PDB file of all heavy atoms in Angstrom:
ATOM      1  N   ALA A   1      -6.939  -5.184   9.782  1.00  0.00           N
ATOM      2  CA  ALA A   1      -7.383  -5.782  11.043  1.00  0.00           C
ATOM      3  C   ALA A   1      -6.649  -5.208  12.261  1.00  0.00           C
ATOM      4  O   ALA A   1      -7.069  -5.445  13.399  1.00  0.00           O
ATOM      5  CB  ALA A   1      -7.192  -7.296  10.999  1.00  0.00           C
ATOM      6  N   LEU A   2      -5.588  -4.451  12.030  1.00  0.00           N
ATOM      7  CA  LEU A   2      -4.829  -3.891  13.150  1.00  0.00           C
ATOM      8  C   LEU A   2      -5.655  -2.824  13.866  1.00  0.00           C
ATOM      9  O   LEU A   2      -6.369  -2.047  13.233  1.00  0.00           O
ATOM     10  CB  LEU A   2      -3.512  -3.281  12.656  1.00  0.00           C
ATOM     11  CG  LEU A   2      -2.494  -4.266  12.076  1.00  0.00           C
ATOM     12  CD1 LEU A   2      -1.331  -3.510  11.447  1.00  0.00           C
ATOM     13  CD2 LEU A   2      -1.993  -5.223  13.159  1.00  0.00           C
ATOM     14  N   ALA A   3      -5.524  -2.786  15.188  1.00  0.00           N
ATOM     15  CA  ALA A   3      -6.252  -1.781  15.975  1.00  0.00           C
ATOM     16  C   ALA A   3      -5.821  -0.376  15.570  1.00  0.00           C
ATOM     17  O   ALA A   3      -6.649   0.518  15.428  1.00  0.00           O
ATOM     18  CB  ALA A   3      -6.008  -2.014  17.464  1.00  0.00           C
ATOM     19  N   GLN A   4      -4.522  -0.170  15.406  1.00  0.00           N
ATOM     20  CA  GLN A   4      -3.999   1.095  14.916  1.00  0.00           C
ATOM     21  C   GLN A   4      -3.438   0.844  13.529  1.00  0.00           C
ATOM     22  O   GLN A   4      -2.398   0.201  13.379  1.00  0.00           O
ATOM     23  CB  GLN A   4      -2.901   1.628  15.833  1.00  0.00           C
ATOM     24  CG  GLN A   4      -3.331   2.819  16.630  1.00  0.00           C
ATOM     25  CD  GLN A   4      -2.159   3.406  17.385  1.00  0.00           C
ATOM     26  OE1 GLN A   4      -1.528   2.730  18.196  1.00  0.00           O
ATOM     27  NE2 GLN A   4      -1.897   4.659  17.140  1.00  0.00           N
ATOM     28  N   ARG A   5      -4.132   1.332  12.533  1.00  0.00           N
ATOM     29  CA  ARG A   5      -3.720   1.061  11.158  1.00  0.00           C
ATOM     30  C   ARG A   5      -2.498   1.880  10.756  1.00  0.00           C
ATOM     31  O   ARG A   5      -2.393   3.058  11.110  1.00  0.00           O
ATOM     32  CB  ARG A   5      -4.848   1.393  10.192  1.00  0.00           C
ATOM     33  CG  ARG A   5      -5.989   0.429  10.267  1.00  0.00           C
ATOM     34  CD  ARG A   5      -7.015   0.752   9.222  1.00  0.00           C
ATOM     35  NE  ARG A   5      -8.123  -0.173   9.322  1.00  0.00           N
ATOM     36  CZ  ARG A   5      -9.300   0.037   8.783  1.00  0.00           C
ATOM     37  NH1 ARG A   5      -9.537   1.140   8.092  1.00  0.00           N
ATOM     38  NH2 ARG A   5     -10.248  -0.851   8.919  1.00  0.00           N
ATOM     39  N   PRO A   6      -1.635   1.281   9.961  1.00  0.00           N
ATOM     40  CA  PRO A   6      -0.529   2.054   9.375  1.00  0.00           C
ATOM     41  C   PRO A   6      -1.082   3.115   8.432  1.00  0.00           C
ATOM     42  O   PRO A   6      -2.214   3.009   7.956  1.00  0.00           O
ATOM     43  CB  PRO A   6       0.260   1.005   8.586  1.00  0.00           C
ATOM     44  CG  PRO A   6      -0.167  -0.306   9.139  1.00  0.00           C
ATOM     45  CD  PRO A   6      -1.567  -0.122   9.625  1.00  0.00           C
ATOM     46  N   ARG A   7      -0.284   4.119   8.153  1.00  0.00           N
ATOM     47  CA  ARG A   7      -0.698   5.172   7.217  1.00  0.00           C
ATOM     48  C   ARG A   7      -0.406   4.796   5.778  1.00  0.00           C
ATOM     49  O   ARG A   7      -1.004   5.339   4.862  1.00  0.00           O
ATOM     50  CB  ARG A   7       0.051   6.467   7.539  1.00  0.00           C
ATOM     51  CG  ARG A   7      -0.326   7.082   8.863  1.00  0.00           C
ATOM     52  CD  ARG A   7       0.293   8.451   9.084  1.00  0.00           C
ATOM     53  NE  ARG A   7       1.125   8.929   8.017  1.00  0.00           N
ATOM     54  CZ  ARG A   7       2.437   9.200   8.126  1.00  0.00           C
ATOM     55  NH1 ARG A   7       3.038   9.033   9.280  1.00  0.00           N
ATOM     56  NH2 ARG A   7       3.128   9.654   7.101  1.00  0.00           N
ATOM     57  N   VAL A   8       0.573   3.875   5.578  1.00  0.00           N
ATOM     58  CA  VAL A   8       1.067   3.612   4.229  1.00  0.00           C
ATOM     59  C   VAL A   8       1.171   2.108   3.964  1.00  0.00           C
ATOM     60  O   VAL A   8       1.679   1.358   4.791  1.00  0.00           O
ATOM     61  CB  VAL A   8       2.468   4.246   4.021  1.00  0.00           C
ATOM     62  CG1 VAL A   8       2.983   3.980   2.615  1.00  0.00           C
ATOM     63  CG2 VAL A   8       2.454   5.735   4.323  1.00  0.00           C
ATOM     64  N   LEU A   9       0.711   1.705   2.775  1.00  0.00           N
ATOM     65  CA  LEU A   9       0.948   0.364   2.252  1.00  0.00           C
ATOM     66  C   LEU A   9       1.864   0.542   1.047  1.00  0.00           C
ATOM     67  O   LEU A   9       1.511   1.226   0.091  1.00  0.00           O
ATOM     68  CB  LEU A   9      -0.355  -0.312   1.823  1.00  0.00           C
ATOM     69  CG  LEU A   9      -0.187  -1.694   1.191  1.00  0.00           C
ATOM     70  CD1 LEU A   9       0.300  -2.709   2.229  1.00  0.00           C
ATOM     71  CD2 LEU A   9      -1.485  -2.162   0.559  1.00  0.00           C
ATOM     72  N   TRP A  10       3.050  -0.057   1.112  1.00  0.00           N
ATOM     73  CA  TRP A  10       4.062   0.081   0.066  1.00  0.00           C
ATOM     74  C   TRP A  10       4.373  -1.318  -0.449  1.00  0.00           C
ATOM     75  O   TRP A  10       4.633  -2.215   0.338  1.00  0.00           O
ATOM     76  CB  TRP A  10       5.312   0.705   0.678  1.00  0.00           C
ATOM     77  CG  TRP A  10       6.385   1.087  -0.288  1.00  0.00           C
ATOM     78  CD1 TRP A  10       7.049   0.272  -1.153  1.00  0.00           C
ATOM     79  CD2 TRP A  10       6.943   2.386  -0.465  1.00  0.00           C
ATOM     80  NE1 TRP A  10       7.983   0.982  -1.864  1.00  0.00           N
ATOM     81  CE2 TRP A  10       7.939   2.283  -1.456  1.00  0.00           C
ATOM     82  CE3 TRP A  10       6.695   3.626   0.122  1.00  0.00           C
ATOM     83  CZ2 TRP A  10       8.696   3.371  -1.874  1.00  0.00           C
ATOM     84  CZ3 TRP A  10       7.456   4.699  -0.288  1.00  0.00           C
ATOM     85  CH2 TRP A  10       8.439   4.577  -1.277  1.00  0.00           C
ATOM     86  N   THR A  11       4.333  -1.506  -1.764  1.00  0.00           N
ATOM     87  CA  THR A  11       4.719  -2.807  -2.317  1.00  0.00           C
ATOM     88  C   THR A  11       5.991  -2.647  -3.135  1.00  0.00           C
ATOM     89  O   THR A  11       6.195  -1.642  -3.809  1.00  0.00           O
ATOM     90  CB  THR A  11       3.605  -3.434  -3.182  1.00  0.00           C
ATOM     91  OG1 THR A  11       3.412  -2.669  -4.363  1.00  0.00           O
ATOM     92  CG2 THR A  11       2.306  -3.570  -2.394  1.00  0.00           C
ATOM     93  N   GLN A  12       6.823  -3.654  -3.059  1.00  0.00           N
ATOM     94  CA  GLN A  12       8.145  -3.618  -3.663  1.00  0.00           C
ATOM     95  C   GLN A  12       8.113  -3.711  -5.183  1.00  0.00           C
ATOM     96  O   GLN A  12       7.070  -3.947  -5.787  1.00  0.00           O
ATOM     97  CB  GLN A  12       8.988  -4.777  -3.106  1.00  0.00           C
ATOM     98  CG  GLN A  12       9.605  -4.459  -1.774  1.00  0.00           C
ATOM     99  CD  GLN A  12      10.636  -3.349  -1.847  1.00  0.00           C
ATOM    100  OE1 GLN A  12      11.343  -3.166  -2.830  1.00  0.00           O
ATOM    101  NE2 GLN A  12      10.721  -2.576  -0.786  1.00  0.00           N
ATOM    102  N   LEU A  13       9.275  -3.562  -5.783  1.00  0.00           N
ATOM    103  CA  LEU A  13       9.419  -3.661  -7.231  1.00  0.00           C
ATOM    104  C   LEU A  13       8.813  -4.963  -7.737  1.00  0.00           C
ATOM    105  O   LEU A  13       9.065  -6.028  -7.180  1.00  0.00           O
ATOM    106  CB  LEU A  13      10.895  -3.596  -7.624  1.00  0.00           C
ATOM    107  CG  LEU A  13      11.590  -2.264  -7.356  1.00  0.00           C
ATOM    108  CD1 LEU A  13      13.085  -2.401  -7.584  1.00  0.00           C
ATOM    109  CD2 LEU A  13      11.007  -1.170  -8.215  1.00  0.00           C
ATOM    110  N   GLY A  14       7.989  -4.872  -8.772  1.00  0.00           N
ATOM    111  CA  GLY A  14       7.353  -6.045  -9.351  1.00  0.00           C
ATOM    112  C   GLY A  14       6.088  -6.484  -8.643  1.00  0.00           C
ATOM    113  O   GLY A  14       5.447  -7.450  -9.048  1.00  0.00           O
ATOM    114  N   VAL A  15       5.714  -5.783  -7.580  1.00  0.00           N
ATOM    115  CA  VAL A  15       4.530  -6.167  -6.810  1.00  0.00           C
ATOM    116  C   VAL A  15       3.465  -5.082  -6.996  1.00  0.00           C
ATOM    117  O   VAL A  15       3.639  -3.946  -6.561  1.00  0.00           O
ATOM    118  CB  VAL A  15       4.852  -6.345  -5.317  1.00  0.00           C
ATOM    119  CG1 VAL A  15       3.602  -6.751  -4.539  1.00  0.00           C
ATOM    120  CG2 VAL A  15       5.972  -7.360  -5.129  1.00  0.00           C
ATOM    121  N   ARG A  16       2.383  -5.477  -7.665  1.00  0.00           N
ATOM    122  CA  ARG A  16       1.301  -4.523  -7.937  1.00  0.00           C
ATOM    123  C   ARG A  16      -0.035  -5.253  -7.895  1.00  0.00           C
ATOM    124  O   ARG A  16      -0.171  -6.332  -8.465  1.00  0.00           O
ATOM    125  CB  ARG A  16       1.506  -3.879  -9.299  1.00  0.00           C
ATOM    126  CG  ARG A  16       0.453  -2.842  -9.605  1.00  0.00           C
ATOM    127  CD  ARG A  16       0.817  -2.015 -10.790  1.00  0.00           C
ATOM    128  NE  ARG A  16      -0.285  -1.118 -11.091  1.00  0.00           N
ATOM    129  CZ  ARG A  16      -0.155   0.052 -11.642  1.00  0.00           C
ATOM    130  NH1 ARG A  16       1.041   0.479 -11.974  1.00  0.00           N
ATOM    131  NH2 ARG A  16      -1.202   0.789 -11.890  1.00  0.00           N
ATOM    132  N   ASP A  17      -0.999  -4.647  -7.218  1.00  0.00           N
ATOM    133  CA  ASP A  17      -2.358  -5.163  -7.163  1.00  0.00           C
ATOM    134  C   ASP A  17      -3.285  -3.956  -7.067  1.00  0.00           C
ATOM    135  O   ASP A  17      -3.468  -3.381  -5.987  1.00  0.00           O
ATOM    136  CB  ASP A  17      -2.531  -6.093  -5.961  1.00  0.00           C
ATOM    137  CG  ASP A  17      -3.901  -6.737  -5.904  1.00  0.00           C
ATOM    138  OD1 ASP A  17      -4.904  -6.047  -6.211  1.00  0.00           O
ATOM    139  OD2 ASP A  17      -3.993  -7.912  -5.533  1.00  0.00           O
ATOM    140  N   ASP A  18      -3.842  -3.551  -8.199  1.00  0.00           N
ATOM    141  CA  ASP A  18      -4.665  -2.347  -8.247  1.00  0.00           C
ATOM    142  C   ASP A  18      -5.924  -2.463  -7.399  1.00  0.00           C
ATOM    143  O   ASP A  18      -6.358  -1.478  -6.791  1.00  0.00           O
ATOM    144  CB  ASP A  18      -5.015  -2.003  -9.690  1.00  0.00           C
ATOM    145  CG  ASP A  18      -3.803  -1.515 -10.470  1.00  0.00           C
ATOM    146  OD1 ASP A  18      -2.966  -0.802  -9.883  1.00  0.00           O
ATOM    147  OD2 ASP A  18      -3.685  -1.856 -11.663  1.00  0.00           O
ATOM    148  N   ALA A  19      -6.521  -3.645  -7.332  1.00  0.00           N
ATOM    149  CA  ALA A  19      -7.725  -3.830  -6.513  1.00  0.00           C
ATOM    150  C   ALA A  19      -7.390  -3.650  -5.034  1.00  0.00           C
ATOM    151  O   ALA A  19      -8.134  -2.999  -4.294  1.00  0.00           O
ATOM    152  CB  ALA A  19      -8.338  -5.201  -6.769  1.00  0.00           C
ATOM    153  N   ALA A  20      -6.272  -4.210  -4.594  1.00  0.00           N
ATOM    154  CA  ALA A  20      -5.851  -4.047  -3.198  1.00  0.00           C
ATOM    155  C   ALA A  20      -5.525  -2.583  -2.917  1.00  0.00           C
ATOM    156  O   ALA A  20      -5.843  -2.064  -1.842  1.00  0.00           O
ATOM    157  CB  ALA A  20      -4.656  -4.941  -2.890  1.00  0.00           C
ATOM    158  N   ALA A  21      -4.901  -1.908  -3.877  1.00  0.00           N
ATOM    159  CA  ALA A  21      -4.578  -0.489  -3.706  1.00  0.00           C
ATOM    160  C   ALA A  21      -5.855   0.328  -3.534  1.00  0.00           C
ATOM    161  O   ALA A  21      -5.931   1.195  -2.650  1.00  0.00           O
ATOM    162  CB  ALA A  21      -3.774   0.018  -4.897  1.00  0.00           C
ATOM    163  N   ALA A  22      -6.850   0.057  -4.337  1.00  0.00           N
ATOM    164  CA  ALA A  22      -8.125   0.778  -4.232  1.00  0.00           C
ATOM    165  C   ALA A  22      -8.775   0.529  -2.876  1.00  0.00           C
ATOM    166  O   ALA A  22      -9.311   1.455  -2.243  1.00  0.00           O
ATOM    167  CB  ALA A  22      -9.058   0.356  -5.361  1.00  0.00           C
ATOM    168  N   ARG A  23      -8.717  -0.719  -2.414  1.00  0.00           N
ATOM    169  CA  ARG A  23      -9.267  -1.064  -1.096  1.00  0.00           C
ATOM    170  C   ARG A  23      -8.524  -0.330   0.017  1.00  0.00           C
ATOM    171  O   ARG A  23      -9.123   0.189   0.958  1.00  0.00           O
ATOM    172  CB  ARG A  23      -9.138  -2.574  -0.869  1.00  0.00           C
ATOM    173  CG  ARG A  23     -10.442  -3.272  -0.662  1.00  0.00           C
ATOM    174  CD  ARG A  23     -10.265  -4.767  -0.534  1.00  0.00           C
ATOM    175  NE  ARG A  23      -9.918  -5.122   0.835  1.00  0.00           N
ATOM    176  CZ  ARG A  23      -9.113  -6.113   1.182  1.00  0.00           C
ATOM    177  NH1 ARG A  23      -8.544  -6.868   0.274  1.00  0.00           N
ATOM    178  NH2 ARG A  23      -8.875  -6.371   2.429  1.00  0.00           N
ATOM    179  N   ALA A  24      -7.201  -0.298  -0.082  1.00  0.00           N
ATOM    180  CA  ALA A  24      -6.381   0.373   0.931  1.00  0.00           C
ATOM    181  C   ALA A  24      -6.670   1.873   0.954  1.00  0.00           C
ATOM    182  O   ALA A  24      -6.838   2.467   2.024  1.00  0.00           O
ATOM    183  CB  ALA A  24      -4.901   0.112   0.671  1.00  0.00           C
ATOM    184  N   GLU A  25      -6.763   2.467  -0.220  1.00  0.00           N
ATOM    185  CA  GLU A  25      -7.045   3.902  -0.300  1.00  0.00           C
ATOM    186  C   GLU A  25      -8.440   4.213   0.218  1.00  0.00           C
ATOM    187  O   GLU A  25      -8.640   5.224   0.905  1.00  0.00           O
ATOM    188  CB  GLU A  25      -6.854   4.398  -1.730  1.00  0.00           C
ATOM    189  CG  GLU A  25      -5.399   4.413  -2.128  1.00  0.00           C
ATOM    190  CD  GLU A  25      -5.153   4.647  -3.602  1.00  0.00           C
ATOM    191  OE1 GLU A  25      -6.054   4.380  -4.430  1.00  0.00           O
ATOM    192  OE2 GLU A  25      -4.043   5.095  -3.924  1.00  0.00           O
ATOM    193  N   ALA A  26      -9.400   3.346  -0.054  1.00  0.00           N
ATOM    194  CA  ALA A  26     -10.763   3.531   0.464  1.00  0.00           C
ATOM    195  C   ALA A  26     -10.773   3.478   1.994  1.00  0.00           C
ATOM    196  O   ALA A  26     -11.621   4.109   2.634  1.00  0.00           O
ATOM    197  CB  ALA A  26     -11.703   2.476  -0.113  1.00  0.00           C
ATOM    198  N   ALA A  27      -9.813   2.756   2.575  1.00  0.00           N
ATOM    199  CA  ALA A  27      -9.704   2.649   4.034  1.00  0.00           C
ATOM    200  C   ALA A  27      -8.849   3.776   4.619  1.00  0.00           C
ATOM    201  O   ALA A  27      -8.605   3.812   5.823  1.00  0.00           O
ATOM    202  CB  ALA A  27      -9.113   1.295   4.416  1.00  0.00           C
ATOM    203  N   GLY A  28      -8.361   4.686   3.743  1.00  0.00           N
ATOM    204  CA  GLY A  28      -7.613   5.843   4.228  1.00  0.00           C
ATOM    205  C   GLY A  28      -6.108   5.711   4.212  1.00  0.00           C
ATOM    206  O   GLY A  28      -5.410   6.574   4.749  1.00  0.00           O
ATOM    207  N   LEU A  29      -5.574   4.655   3.618  1.00  0.00           N
ATOM    208  CA  LEU A  29      -4.126   4.475   3.560  1.00  0.00           C
ATOM    209  C   LEU A  29      -3.555   5.123   2.302  1.00  0.00           C
ATOM    210  O   LEU A  29      -4.217   5.168   1.269  1.00  0.00           O
ATOM    211  CB  LEU A  29      -3.763   2.989   3.539  1.00  0.00           C
ATOM    212  CG  LEU A  29      -3.727   2.243   4.865  1.00  0.00           C
ATOM    213  CD1 LEU A  29      -5.109   2.073   5.447  1.00  0.00           C
ATOM    214  CD2 LEU A  29      -3.078   0.894   4.661  1.00  0.00           C
ATOM    215  N   GLN A  30      -2.335   5.587   2.401  1.00  0.00           N
ATOM    216  CA  GLN A  30      -1.592   6.000   1.219  1.00  0.00           C
ATOM    217  C   GLN A  30      -0.983   4.732   0.638  1.00  0.00           C
ATOM    218  O   GLN A  30      -0.616   3.812   1.381  1.00  0.00           O
ATOM    219  CB  GLN A  30      -0.493   6.981   1.577  1.00  0.00           C
ATOM    220  CG  GLN A  30      -0.998   8.334   2.022  1.00  0.00           C
ATOM    221  CD  GLN A  30       0.157   9.237   2.387  1.00  0.00           C
ATOM    222  OE1 GLN A  30       0.785   9.038   3.412  1.00  0.00           O
ATOM    223  NE2 GLN A  30       0.424  10.225   1.547  1.00  0.00           N
ATOM    224  N   VAL A  31      -0.844   4.689  -0.680  1.00  0.00           N
ATOM    225  CA  VAL A  31      -0.339   3.492  -1.330  1.00  0.00           C
ATOM    226  C   VAL A  31       0.774   3.848  -2.307  1.00  0.00           C
ATOM    227  O   VAL A  31       0.659   4.822  -3.060  1.00  0.00           O
ATOM    228  CB  VAL A  31      -1.468   2.744  -2.078  1.00  0.00           C
ATOM    229  CG1 VAL A  31      -0.925   1.538  -2.831  1.00  0.00           C
ATOM    230  CG2 VAL A  31      -2.570   2.328  -1.117  1.00  0.00           C
ATOM    231  N   VAL A  32       1.830   3.048  -2.281  1.00  0.00           N
ATOM    232  CA  VAL A  32       2.897   3.100  -3.277  1.00  0.00           C
ATOM    233  C   VAL A  32       3.100   1.673  -3.737  1.00  0.00           C
ATOM    234  O   VAL A  32       3.239   0.765  -2.912  1.00  0.00           O
ATOM    235  CB  VAL A  32       4.207   3.663  -2.700  1.00  0.00           C
ATOM    236  CG1 VAL A  32       5.317   3.626  -3.741  1.00  0.00           C
ATOM    237  CG2 VAL A  32       4.016   5.072  -2.167  1.00  0.00           C
ATOM    238  N   MET A  33       3.081   1.462  -5.052  1.00  0.00           N
ATOM    239  CA  MET A  33       3.266   0.110  -5.587  1.00  0.00           C
ATOM    240  C   MET A  33       4.424   0.087  -6.581  1.00  0.00           C
ATOM    241  O   MET A  33       4.710   1.084  -7.243  1.00  0.00           O
ATOM    242  CB  MET A  33       1.988  -0.365  -6.293  1.00  0.00           C
ATOM    243  CG  MET A  33       0.825  -0.565  -5.364  1.00  0.00           C
ATOM    244  SD  MET A  33      -0.589  -1.393  -6.141  1.00  0.00           S
ATOM    245  CE  MET A  33      -0.975  -0.307  -7.478  1.00  0.00           C
ATOM    246  N   ASN A  34       5.066  -1.094  -6.645  1.00  0.00           N
ATOM    247  CA  ASN A  34       6.112  -1.344  -7.625  1.00  0.00           C
ATOM    248  C   ASN A  34       7.266  -0.352  -7.480  1.00  0.00           C
ATOM    249  O   ASN A  34       7.831   0.108  -8.463  1.00  0.00           O
ATOM    250  CB  ASN A  34       5.531  -1.294  -9.042  1.00  0.00           C
ATOM    251  CG  ASN A  34       6.497  -1.833 -10.072  1.00  0.00           C
ATOM    252  OD1 ASN A  34       7.333  -2.673  -9.786  1.00  0.00           O
ATOM    253  ND2 ASN A  34       6.385  -1.325 -11.291  1.00  0.00           N
ATOM    254  N   ARG A  35       7.613  -0.037  -6.240  1.00  0.00           N
ATOM    255  CA  ARG A  35       8.724   0.851  -5.930  1.00  0.00           C
ATOM    256  C   ARG A  35       9.477   0.293  -4.735  1.00  0.00           C
ATOM    257  O   ARG A  35       8.928  -0.448  -3.936  1.00  0.00           O
ATOM    258  CB  ARG A  35       8.250   2.261  -5.567  1.00  0.00           C
ATOM    259  CG  ARG A  35       7.592   3.044  -6.663  1.00  0.00           C
ATOM    260  CD  ARG A  35       8.637   3.569  -7.656  1.00  0.00           C
ATOM    261  NE  ARG A  35       8.023   4.338  -8.715  1.00  0.00           N
ATOM    262  CZ  ARG A  35       8.041   5.656  -8.778  1.00  0.00           C
ATOM    263  NH1 ARG A  35       8.627   6.355  -7.839  1.00  0.00           N
ATOM    264  NH2 ARG A  35       7.471   6.267  -9.784  1.00  0.00           N
ATOM    265  N   CYS A  36      10.721   0.688  -4.591  1.00  0.00           N
ATOM    266  CA  CYS A  36      11.538   0.260  -3.453  1.00  0.00           C
ATOM    267  C   CYS A  36      11.869   1.475  -2.591  1.00  0.00           C
ATOM    268  O   CYS A  36      12.429   2.451  -3.096  1.00  0.00           O
ATOM    269  CB  CYS A  36      12.825  -0.389  -3.946  1.00  0.00           C
ATOM    270  SG  CYS A  36      13.943  -0.838  -2.604  1.00  0.00           S
ATOM    271  N   PRO A  37      11.552   1.431  -1.290  1.00  0.00           N
ATOM    272  CA  PRO A  37      11.857   2.587  -0.445  1.00  0.00           C
ATOM    273  C   PRO A  37      13.358   2.854  -0.338  1.00  0.00           C
ATOM    274  O   PRO A  37      13.774   3.998  -0.197  1.00  0.00           O
ATOM    275  CB  PRO A  37      11.247   2.232   0.909  1.00  0.00           C
ATOM    276  CG  PRO A  37      11.055   0.761   0.889  1.00  0.00           C
ATOM    277  CD  PRO A  37      10.876   0.369  -0.542  1.00  0.00           C
ATOM    278  N   LYS A  38      14.173   1.827  -0.436  1.00  0.00           N
ATOM    279  CA  LYS A  38      15.632   2.013  -0.405  1.00  0.00           C
ATOM    280  C   LYS A  38      16.089   2.817  -1.616  1.00  0.00           C
ATOM    281  O   LYS A  38      16.850   3.773  -1.498  1.00  0.00           O
ATOM    282  CB  LYS A  38      16.338   0.656  -0.375  1.00  0.00           C
ATOM    283  CG  LYS A  38      17.853   0.730  -0.424  1.00  0.00           C
ATOM    284  CD  LYS A  38      18.461  -0.669  -0.489  1.00  0.00           C
ATOM    285  CE  LYS A  38      19.962  -0.672  -0.450  1.00  0.00           C
ATOM    286  NZ  LYS A  38      20.592  -0.038  -1.585  1.00  0.00           N
ATOM    287  N   ILE A  39      15.604   2.448  -2.776  1.00  0.00           N
ATOM    288  CA  ILE A  39      15.975   3.156  -4.001  1.00  0.00           C
ATOM    289  C   ILE A  39      15.431   4.581  -3.966  1.00  0.00           C
ATOM    290  O   ILE A  39      16.134   5.544  -4.298  1.00  0.00           O
ATOM    291  CB  ILE A  39      15.455   2.403  -5.246  1.00  0.00           C
ATOM    292  CG1 ILE A  39      16.201   1.081  -5.396  1.00  0.00           C
ATOM    293  CG2 ILE A  39      15.582   3.261  -6.501  1.00  0.00           C
ATOM    294  CD1 ILE A  39      15.610   0.151  -6.444  1.00  0.00           C
TER     295      ILE A  39
END
């Protein structure tokens, strides 16, 4: 819904939703799931 969409949707360790990932990728976002950017 944001006017300027982010490029990346990242979900933290233990957080995974394949349907949401597919939706995000269909909208042009890069997706990382079940990972920590700090690590």
